[in-house]
Protein backbone atom coordinates (compact mmCIF):
# COMPACT_ATOMS: atom_id res chain seq x y z
CA MET A 1 14.42 49.86 4.86
CA LYS A 2 16.84 46.95 5.05
CA LYS A 3 15.29 45.86 8.35
CA SER A 4 11.81 46.02 6.81
CA LEU A 5 12.91 43.95 3.82
CA LEU A 6 14.55 41.43 6.14
CA ALA A 7 11.37 41.15 8.23
CA LEU A 8 9.28 40.63 5.11
CA ALA A 9 11.69 37.96 3.91
CA VAL A 10 11.48 36.12 7.25
CA LEU A 11 7.69 36.37 7.21
CA ALA A 12 7.54 35.06 3.64
CA ALA A 13 9.83 32.16 4.50
CA SER A 14 7.68 31.35 7.52
CA GLY A 15 4.58 31.34 5.33
CA VAL A 16 6.17 28.88 2.93
CA ALA A 17 7.14 26.59 5.80
CA MET A 18 3.59 26.73 7.18
CA ALA A 19 2.16 25.93 3.75
CA GLN A 20 4.35 22.86 3.59
CA SER A 21 2.94 21.44 6.85
CA SER A 22 -0.63 20.53 7.78
CA VAL A 23 -2.52 18.84 10.61
CA THR A 24 -6.02 17.45 10.06
CA LEU A 25 -8.66 16.52 12.63
CA TYR A 26 -10.96 13.74 11.40
CA GLY A 27 -13.28 11.07 12.71
CA VAL A 28 -16.36 8.88 12.50
CA ALA A 29 -19.66 9.01 14.40
CA ASP A 30 -21.66 5.77 14.06
CA ALA A 31 -24.73 4.59 15.98
CA SER A 32 -27.43 2.03 15.24
CA LEU A 33 -30.54 0.45 16.70
CA ALA A 34 -29.69 -3.24 16.94
CA LYS A 35 -31.15 -6.57 17.99
CA VAL A 36 -29.11 -9.78 18.36
CA THR A 37 -30.43 -13.27 19.08
CA GLY A 38 -30.83 -13.81 22.83
CA ALA A 39 -30.47 -10.11 23.75
CA SER A 40 -32.77 -7.13 23.99
CA ALA A 41 -32.80 -4.36 21.40
CA LYS A 42 -30.35 -1.58 22.16
CA LEU A 43 -28.55 1.48 20.91
CA SER A 44 -25.41 -0.08 19.44
CA THR A 45 -22.08 1.76 19.42
CA ASN A 46 -18.72 0.18 18.54
CA ASP A 47 -20.37 -3.23 18.40
CA ARG A 48 -20.97 -6.15 16.02
CA MET A 49 -23.97 -4.49 14.34
CA ASN A 50 -22.37 -1.11 13.67
CA ASN A 51 -20.98 -0.27 10.28
CA GLY A 52 -17.84 0.93 12.06
CA ASN A 53 -16.47 2.11 15.38
CA SER A 54 -16.74 5.79 16.27
CA ARG A 55 -13.40 7.57 16.55
CA PHE A 56 -11.47 10.79 16.27
CA GLY A 57 -7.93 11.29 15.11
CA MET A 58 -5.22 13.71 14.15
CA LYS A 59 -2.92 13.28 11.19
CA GLY A 60 -0.25 15.56 9.87
CA VAL A 61 2.24 15.76 7.05
CA GLU A 62 5.30 17.89 6.40
CA ASP A 63 6.96 18.36 3.03
CA LEU A 64 10.68 17.88 3.64
CA GLY A 65 11.65 18.74 0.08
CA GLY A 66 13.24 16.55 -2.54
CA GLY A 67 10.11 14.40 -2.75
CA LEU A 68 10.26 13.40 0.94
CA LYS A 69 7.33 13.77 3.34
CA ALA A 70 7.12 13.01 7.06
CA SER A 71 3.75 12.18 8.59
CA PHE A 72 2.09 11.00 11.78
CA ASN A 73 -1.30 9.65 12.87
CA PHE A 74 -2.94 9.40 16.30
CA GLU A 75 -6.42 7.85 16.48
CA ALA A 76 -8.70 7.14 19.45
CA ALA A 77 -11.97 5.24 19.82
CA VAL A 78 -15.08 7.03 21.13
CA ASN A 79 -18.07 5.31 22.76
CA MET A 80 -21.18 7.02 21.36
CA GLY A 81 -23.21 5.67 24.27
CA ASN A 82 -21.39 7.44 27.08
CA GLY A 83 -18.73 9.58 25.39
CA ALA A 84 -15.84 7.61 26.91
CA THR A 85 -12.55 6.92 25.17
CA ASP A 86 -10.42 3.82 25.62
CA ALA A 87 -8.02 3.53 28.56
CA ASN A 88 -5.18 3.51 26.02
CA THR A 89 -6.30 6.72 24.33
CA PHE A 90 -4.69 6.28 20.93
CA GLN A 91 -5.01 2.49 20.74
CA ARG A 92 -6.43 2.67 17.19
CA ALA A 93 -3.30 4.29 15.72
CA ALA A 94 -0.05 5.89 16.83
CA TYR A 95 2.72 5.90 14.23
CA VAL A 96 5.18 7.98 12.26
CA ALA A 97 6.02 7.53 8.57
CA LEU A 98 8.40 8.70 5.86
CA ASP A 99 7.19 8.80 2.24
CA GLY A 100 9.12 9.30 -0.97
CA SER A 101 9.61 7.99 -4.48
CA PHE A 102 10.91 4.80 -2.82
CA GLY A 103 7.54 4.15 -1.15
CA GLN A 104 6.74 4.42 2.56
CA ILE A 105 8.41 3.35 5.80
CA TYR A 106 6.34 3.51 8.99
CA ALA A 107 6.82 2.57 12.64
CA GLY A 108 4.38 2.28 15.54
CA ARG A 109 0.84 0.94 15.98
CA ARG A 110 -1.64 0.86 13.12
CA LEU A 111 -3.95 -1.41 11.13
CA SER A 112 -2.02 -4.44 9.91
CA PRO A 113 -0.89 -4.97 6.30
CA MET A 114 -3.14 -8.05 6.28
CA PHE A 115 -6.11 -5.81 7.10
CA TYR A 116 -5.39 -3.50 4.18
CA SER A 117 -4.92 -6.38 1.74
CA ILE A 118 -8.38 -7.75 2.68
CA ALA A 119 -9.96 -4.29 2.67
CA ASN A 120 -8.85 -3.90 -0.95
CA TYR A 121 -11.63 -6.24 -2.15
CA GLU A 122 -14.00 -6.85 0.82
CA LEU A 123 -17.51 -5.70 -0.12
CA THR A 124 -18.72 -3.97 3.08
CA GLY A 125 -15.58 -1.85 3.51
CA THR A 126 -14.53 -4.07 6.47
CA ALA A 127 -17.63 -3.15 8.46
CA ASN A 128 -18.00 -4.48 11.99
CA TYR A 129 -20.60 -6.92 10.63
CA SER A 130 -18.35 -8.13 7.79
CA ALA A 131 -18.93 -11.87 7.27
CA GLU A 132 -15.32 -12.34 6.19
CA ALA A 133 -13.85 -10.54 9.20
CA ASN A 134 -16.11 -12.24 11.76
CA MET A 135 -15.46 -15.69 10.32
CA PHE A 136 -11.74 -15.52 9.52
CA GLY A 137 -10.34 -12.30 11.03
CA PHE A 138 -7.52 -10.21 9.58
CA GLY A 139 -4.53 -12.48 10.13
CA ALA A 140 -2.81 -12.60 13.51
CA THR A 141 -4.13 -9.20 14.61
CA THR A 142 -6.24 -6.38 13.20
CA ARG A 143 -3.64 -3.91 14.51
CA ASP A 144 0.08 -4.44 15.04
CA ASN A 145 2.00 -3.04 18.01
CA SER A 146 5.56 -1.72 17.65
CA PHE A 147 5.47 -2.61 13.97
CA ILE A 148 8.04 -1.56 11.37
CA ALA A 149 7.01 -1.90 7.73
CA TYR A 150 7.91 -0.89 4.18
CA THR A 151 5.42 -0.39 1.34
CA THR A 152 6.56 -0.10 -2.26
CA PRO A 153 5.34 2.69 -4.53
CA SER A 154 2.42 1.79 -6.79
CA ILE A 155 3.68 0.24 -10.03
CA SER A 156 0.89 -0.16 -12.60
CA GLY A 157 -1.58 -0.66 -9.76
CA PHE A 158 0.59 -3.09 -7.80
CA LYS A 159 1.91 -2.46 -4.26
CA ALA A 160 3.58 -4.74 -1.73
CA THR A 161 4.21 -4.40 2.02
CA VAL A 162 6.59 -6.28 4.29
CA GLY A 163 6.81 -5.68 8.03
CA THR A 164 7.74 -7.20 11.36
CA THR A 165 7.63 -6.83 15.13
CA LEU A 166 11.16 -7.04 16.48
CA LYS A 167 12.11 -9.58 19.15
CA GLY A 168 12.65 -6.88 21.76
CA ASN A 169 8.99 -5.83 21.44
CA GLN A 170 7.53 -9.27 22.12
CA THR A 171 4.92 -9.53 24.86
CA GLY A 172 3.19 -12.50 26.52
CA THR A 173 2.98 -15.66 24.44
CA ASN A 174 3.06 -13.76 21.15
CA GLY A 175 6.53 -13.52 19.67
CA ALA A 176 7.84 -11.75 16.61
CA GLU A 177 5.26 -11.30 13.87
CA THR A 178 6.07 -10.96 10.17
CA GLU A 179 3.65 -10.01 7.40
CA LEU A 180 3.98 -9.92 3.61
CA THR A 181 1.10 -8.60 1.53
CA ALA A 182 0.36 -7.41 -1.99
CA THR A 183 -2.52 -5.49 -3.55
CA TYR A 184 -3.51 -4.64 -7.10
CA ASN A 185 -5.91 -1.96 -8.35
CA GLN A 186 -6.26 -1.37 -12.06
CA GLY A 187 -9.49 -0.65 -13.91
CA PRO A 188 -12.32 -2.89 -12.66
CA ILE A 189 -9.98 -5.35 -10.91
CA ALA A 190 -9.02 -5.25 -7.21
CA LEU A 191 -6.88 -8.01 -5.68
CA GLY A 192 -5.41 -8.64 -2.24
CA MET A 193 -3.18 -11.38 -0.89
CA GLY A 194 -1.22 -11.85 2.28
CA TYR A 195 0.81 -14.16 4.46
CA ALA A 196 1.61 -13.68 8.14
CA GLN A 197 3.30 -15.72 10.81
CA GLN A 198 3.53 -15.13 14.52
CA ALA A 199 6.01 -17.00 16.73
CA GLN A 200 4.68 -18.34 20.04
CA THR A 201 6.78 -18.74 23.17
CA GLY A 202 7.80 -22.12 24.54
CA SER A 203 6.50 -25.15 22.66
CA LEU A 204 3.49 -23.36 21.15
CA GLY A 205 5.15 -23.21 17.73
CA THR A 206 4.31 -20.65 15.04
CA LYS A 207 0.88 -19.49 13.92
CA LYS A 208 0.50 -18.97 10.17
CA TYR A 209 -2.16 -17.05 8.24
CA GLY A 210 -2.83 -16.69 4.53
CA HIS A 211 -5.48 -15.35 2.16
CA PHE A 212 -6.09 -14.43 -1.45
CA GLY A 213 -9.10 -12.55 -2.79
CA GLY A 214 -10.35 -10.23 -5.45
CA ALA A 215 -13.25 -8.24 -6.83
CA TYR A 216 -14.37 -7.31 -10.33
CA ASN A 217 -16.54 -4.26 -10.98
CA PHE A 218 -18.92 -4.80 -13.90
CA GLY A 219 -20.45 -1.34 -13.50
CA ASP A 220 -23.67 -1.66 -11.52
CA PHE A 221 -22.56 -5.00 -10.06
CA THR A 222 -19.36 -6.03 -8.24
CA LEU A 223 -18.46 -9.67 -7.67
CA ALA A 224 -15.95 -10.66 -4.99
CA ALA A 225 -14.50 -13.93 -3.70
CA SER A 226 -11.60 -15.08 -1.53
CA TYR A 227 -9.79 -18.09 -0.09
CA GLN A 228 -8.97 -17.92 3.63
CA ASP A 229 -6.52 -20.03 5.65
CA PRO A 230 -6.15 -18.57 9.15
CA SER A 231 -4.22 -20.30 11.93
CA GLY A 232 -5.84 -23.46 13.29
CA ALA A 233 -8.39 -25.82 11.78
CA LYS A 234 -10.64 -23.10 10.37
CA LYS A 235 -10.26 -22.40 6.65
CA GLY A 236 -12.60 -21.76 3.77
CA PHE A 237 -13.84 -19.19 1.32
CA THR A 238 -16.02 -16.13 0.80
CA VAL A 239 -18.20 -15.15 -2.14
CA GLY A 240 -20.56 -12.24 -2.61
CA GLY A 241 -21.74 -9.33 -4.67
CA THR A 242 -22.85 -5.72 -4.49
CA MET A 243 -25.62 -4.35 -6.72
CA MET A 244 -25.96 -0.61 -7.28
CA PHE A 245 -29.37 1.02 -7.68
CA GLY A 246 -28.25 4.55 -8.43
CA PRO A 247 -26.43 5.70 -5.26
CA THR A 248 -28.00 2.90 -3.18
CA SER A 249 -26.04 -0.34 -2.70
CA LEU A 250 -27.24 -3.80 -1.73
CA THR A 251 -24.55 -6.29 -0.64
CA LEU A 252 -24.70 -10.00 0.10
CA ASP A 253 -21.47 -11.62 1.28
CA ILE A 254 -21.12 -15.24 2.45
CA ALA A 255 -18.25 -16.80 4.44
CA ARG A 256 -17.97 -20.58 4.70
CA ASP A 257 -15.70 -22.51 7.09
CA THR A 258 -14.88 -25.87 5.47
CA GLY A 259 -11.90 -26.83 7.64
CA SER A 260 -13.31 -27.24 11.13
CA VAL A 261 -14.96 -30.42 12.37
CA VAL A 262 -18.23 -28.51 12.62
CA LYS A 263 -18.74 -26.69 9.31
CA SER A 264 -20.49 -23.33 9.46
CA THR A 265 -21.64 -20.46 7.27
CA ASP A 266 -21.92 -16.75 8.02
CA TYR A 267 -23.53 -14.11 5.84
CA ILE A 268 -24.16 -10.37 5.78
CA LEU A 269 -26.96 -8.61 3.91
CA GLU A 270 -26.36 -4.85 3.87
CA LEU A 271 -28.36 -1.96 2.41
CA LYS A 272 -26.55 1.37 2.27
CA GLN A 273 -28.06 4.74 1.32
CA PRO A 274 -25.83 7.83 0.98
CA LEU A 275 -27.36 11.03 2.37
CA SER A 276 -24.39 13.20 1.39
CA LYS A 277 -20.72 12.77 0.52
CA ARG A 278 -19.88 12.11 4.19
CA THR A 279 -23.05 10.62 5.67
CA PHE A 280 -24.98 7.42 4.94
CA ALA A 281 -27.75 5.35 6.48
CA TYR A 282 -27.52 1.58 6.58
CA ALA A 283 -29.52 -1.54 7.43
CA ALA A 284 -27.87 -4.90 8.02
CA VAL A 285 -28.66 -8.53 8.81
CA HIS A 286 -25.69 -10.57 10.02
CA ARG A 287 -25.91 -14.32 10.59
CA MET A 288 -23.26 -16.31 12.49
CA GLY A 289 -23.98 -19.95 11.72
CA LEU A 290 -21.75 -21.66 14.28
CA ILE A 291 -23.51 -20.06 17.24
CA SER A 292 -26.91 -19.66 15.53
CA SER A 293 -26.91 -15.92 16.15
CA THR A 294 -28.62 -13.35 13.94
CA GLY A 295 -28.12 -9.62 14.35
CA THR A 296 -30.16 -6.87 12.69
CA SER A 297 -29.55 -3.15 12.77
CA VAL A 298 -30.50 0.20 11.28
CA GLY A 299 -27.88 2.90 11.66
CA LEU A 300 -26.35 6.20 10.64
CA ARG A 301 -22.69 6.93 9.97
CA HIS A 302 -21.13 10.38 9.58
CA ASN A 303 -17.51 10.85 8.52
CA PHE A 304 -15.82 14.16 9.24
């Protein structure tokens, strides 16, 4: 009897431990029919005229008790045209994190804090055809290698992140990178701001990047605008809006470079129609003014 009770106790304890840990498989499948100026129509996958890149990933979390949680994320790109993955399999994400009442600390490769601060207000959800992203980028890099960062807990909708790449992880001409960002989400207001600098080897100096933007949701209409000051001569602004027609959204976003010798304007016109909670169809027209290139596409995206 004692042995049976002991076995039941061990089994029960094991069940609790299993309930406190979880691993989730997730991903995106995105393909579109696209035509870009100067090129033939094609099936587009992981390209300028896709809403997003196809991918699969694994993420897990373990409850450590006392309000602490450990987590990880591995994410790989998938080419919908031929089924191939990237040579560096988990180049989209590979990091470990610790969460608690203090916020989050993470280390590894993942989307940059600058990316998340822009995503907080950008109207297309940082689609591949985003006018803002194609004109000004997401700071020094969209993803940071060997990055260590701390994010505060949300305080009345406000969060801040500070992170850096240590000197021992420098590669090529790119030296240590430091980013400081802040976001705010409360009611109809969404704001994002960020500053990043990246040291360059030799006499190349330091590259600096900054932005501030926000969006206001009036109900059926959302208005967004931002100021962008990436490294180099290019700088400018974005302005746009999204109108809702029931579940259907129509977005127009414009990005203007006012700092370069040759001024230019990009825009994106996007129509998005949800088919379910995880699947939507989209149509997009993306204009890049500097190179006089217009892309059009009709696509389908499924999130799983």
